[in-house]
C-alpha atoms as a PDB file:
ATOM      1  CA  MET A   1      56.152 140.082 -79.275  1.00  0.00           C
ATOM      2  CA  ALA A   2      56.657 137.592 -76.436  1.00  0.00           C
ATOM      3  CA  THR A   3      57.717 134.022 -77.071  1.00  0.00           C
ATOM      4  CA  LYS A   4      57.063 131.256 -74.547  1.00  0.00           C
ATOM      5  CA  THR A   5      58.642 127.818 -74.826  1.00  0.00           C
ATOM      6  CA  SER A   6      57.540 124.583 -73.196  1.00  0.00           C
ATOM      7  CA  LEU A   7      58.442 120.919 -73.506  1.00  0.00           C
ATOM      8  CA  GLN A   8      55.534 118.461 -73.543  1.00  0.00           C
ATOM      9  CA  LEU A   9      56.318 114.879 -72.528  1.00  0.00           C
ATOM     10  CA  ASP A  10      53.604 112.390 -73.471  1.00  0.00           C
ATOM     11  CA  PHE A  11      53.316 108.903 -71.984  1.00  0.00           C
ATOM     12  CA  MET A  12      50.917 105.974 -72.298  1.00  0.00           C
ATOM     13  CA  THR A  13      49.430 104.230 -69.268  1.00  0.00           C
ATOM     14  CA  ASP A  14      48.469 100.642 -68.533  1.00  0.00           C
ATOM     15  CA  GLN A  15      44.858 101.696 -69.257  1.00  0.00           C
ATOM     16  CA  ASN A  16      45.877 102.822 -72.772  1.00  0.00           C
ATOM     17  CA  LYS A  17      45.374 106.488 -71.846  1.00  0.00           C
ATOM     18  CA  ARG A  18      47.712 109.385 -72.563  1.00  0.00           C
ATOM     19  CA  VAL A  19      49.195 111.555 -69.800  1.00  0.00           C
ATOM     20  CA  ARG A  20      51.332 114.653 -70.324  1.00  0.00           C
ATOM     21  CA  PHE A  21      53.945 116.500 -68.332  1.00  0.00           C
ATOM     22  CA  THR A  22      54.630 120.075 -69.414  1.00  0.00           C
ATOM     23  CA  VAL A  23      57.984 121.656 -68.578  1.00  0.00           C
ATOM     24  CA  ALA A  24      57.931 125.448 -68.823  1.00  0.00           C
ATOM     25  CA  ASN A  25      61.018 127.203 -70.153  1.00  0.00           C
ATOM     26  CA  PRO A  26      63.223 124.153 -70.740  1.00  0.00           C
ATOM     27  CA  LYS A  27      66.990 124.645 -70.920  1.00  0.00           C
ATOM     28  CA  GLN A  28      67.986 125.578 -74.462  1.00  0.00           C
ATOM     29  CA  PRO A  29      69.028 123.998 -76.699  1.00  0.00           C
ATOM     30  CA  VAL A  30      66.894 120.975 -75.876  1.00  0.00           C
ATOM     31  CA  ASP A  31      69.025 117.812 -75.954  1.00  0.00           C
ATOM     32  CA  ASN A  32      67.008 115.007 -77.596  1.00  0.00           C
ATOM     33  CA  THR A  33      69.083 112.276 -75.941  1.00  0.00           C
ATOM     34  CA  ALA A  34      68.693 113.803 -72.475  1.00  0.00           C
ATOM     35  CA  VAL A  35      64.918 114.134 -72.959  1.00  0.00           C
ATOM     36  CA  SER A  36      64.630 110.515 -74.114  1.00  0.00           C
ATOM     37  CA  ASN A  37      66.740 109.291 -71.178  1.00  0.00           C
ATOM     38  CA  ALA A  38      64.657 111.316 -68.701  1.00  0.00           C
ATOM     39  CA  MET A  39      61.451 109.864 -70.161  1.00  0.00           C
ATOM     40  CA  ASP A  40      62.890 106.325 -69.902  1.00  0.00           C
ATOM     41  CA  LEU A  41      63.725 107.000 -66.248  1.00  0.00           C
ATOM     42  CA  ILE A  42      60.179 108.219 -65.552  1.00  0.00           C
ATOM     43  CA  VAL A  43      58.789 105.022 -67.111  1.00  0.00           C
ATOM     44  CA  SER A  44      61.210 102.684 -65.305  1.00  0.00           C
ATOM     45  CA  LYS A  45      60.786 104.209 -61.825  1.00  0.00           C
ATOM     46  CA  GLY A  46      56.977 104.283 -61.936  1.00  0.00           C
ATOM     47  CA  VAL A  47      56.729 106.967 -59.257  1.00  0.00           C
ATOM     48  CA  PHE A  48      53.820 108.910 -60.762  1.00  0.00           C
ATOM     49  CA  ALA A  49      50.226 107.806 -60.232  1.00  0.00           C
ATOM     50  CA  PHE A  50      47.375 109.123 -62.346  1.00  0.00           C
ATOM     51  CA  PRO A  51      43.646 108.407 -62.491  1.00  0.00           C
ATOM     52  CA  GLN A  52      44.394 107.276 -66.076  1.00  0.00           C
ATOM     53  CA  GLY A  53      46.713 104.518 -64.767  1.00  0.00           C
ATOM     54  CA  LYS A  54      50.395 103.765 -64.330  1.00  0.00           C
ATOM     55  CA  ILE A  55      52.874 105.022 -66.944  1.00  0.00           C
ATOM     56  CA  VAL A  56      54.131 102.099 -69.021  1.00  0.00           C
ATOM     57  CA  SER A  57      55.735 103.715 -72.092  1.00  0.00           C
ATOM     58  CA  LYS A  58      56.873 106.993 -73.571  1.00  0.00           C
ATOM     59  CA  SER A  59      54.886 108.302 -76.490  1.00  0.00           C
ATOM     60  CA  ALA A  60      56.282 111.653 -77.676  1.00  0.00           C
ATOM     61  CA  ALA A  61      58.201 114.751 -76.692  1.00  0.00           C
ATOM     62  CA  THR A  62      57.269 118.041 -78.325  1.00  0.00           C
ATOM     63  CA  LEU A  63      58.926 121.431 -78.052  1.00  0.00           C
ATOM     64  CA  VAL A  64      56.180 124.072 -78.234  1.00  0.00           C
ATOM     65  CA  GLU A  65      56.867 127.736 -78.953  1.00  0.00           C
ATOM     66  CA  THR A  66      54.072 130.252 -78.605  1.00  0.00           C
ATOM     67  CA  ASP A  67      54.297 133.828 -79.870  1.00  0.00           C
ATOM     68  CA  SER A  68      51.922 136.491 -78.654  1.00  0.00           C
ATOM     69  CA  THR A  69      51.518 140.120 -79.629  1.00  0.00           C
ATOM     70  CA  THR A  70      49.471 142.714 -77.789  1.00  0.00           C
ATOM     71  CA  VAL A  71      47.203 144.468 -80.267  1.00  0.00           C
ATOM     72  CA  VAL A  72      45.444 146.991 -78.051  1.00  0.00           C
END
């Protein structure tokens, strides 16, 4: 069985749309405070441009673990 881990960072834009950054294989254990601070920095610097608009707020951060097993 193989386990993959990713960290999904969700933000809202000025057009009320959601955008997501996915970080593959984040450093473990994930530090909630560090993630929140990094998301605040992304919002405050405004360096990312998307067709969905400019990031204006953080929405959620989710740690996703996926298990897979080869059956054949």
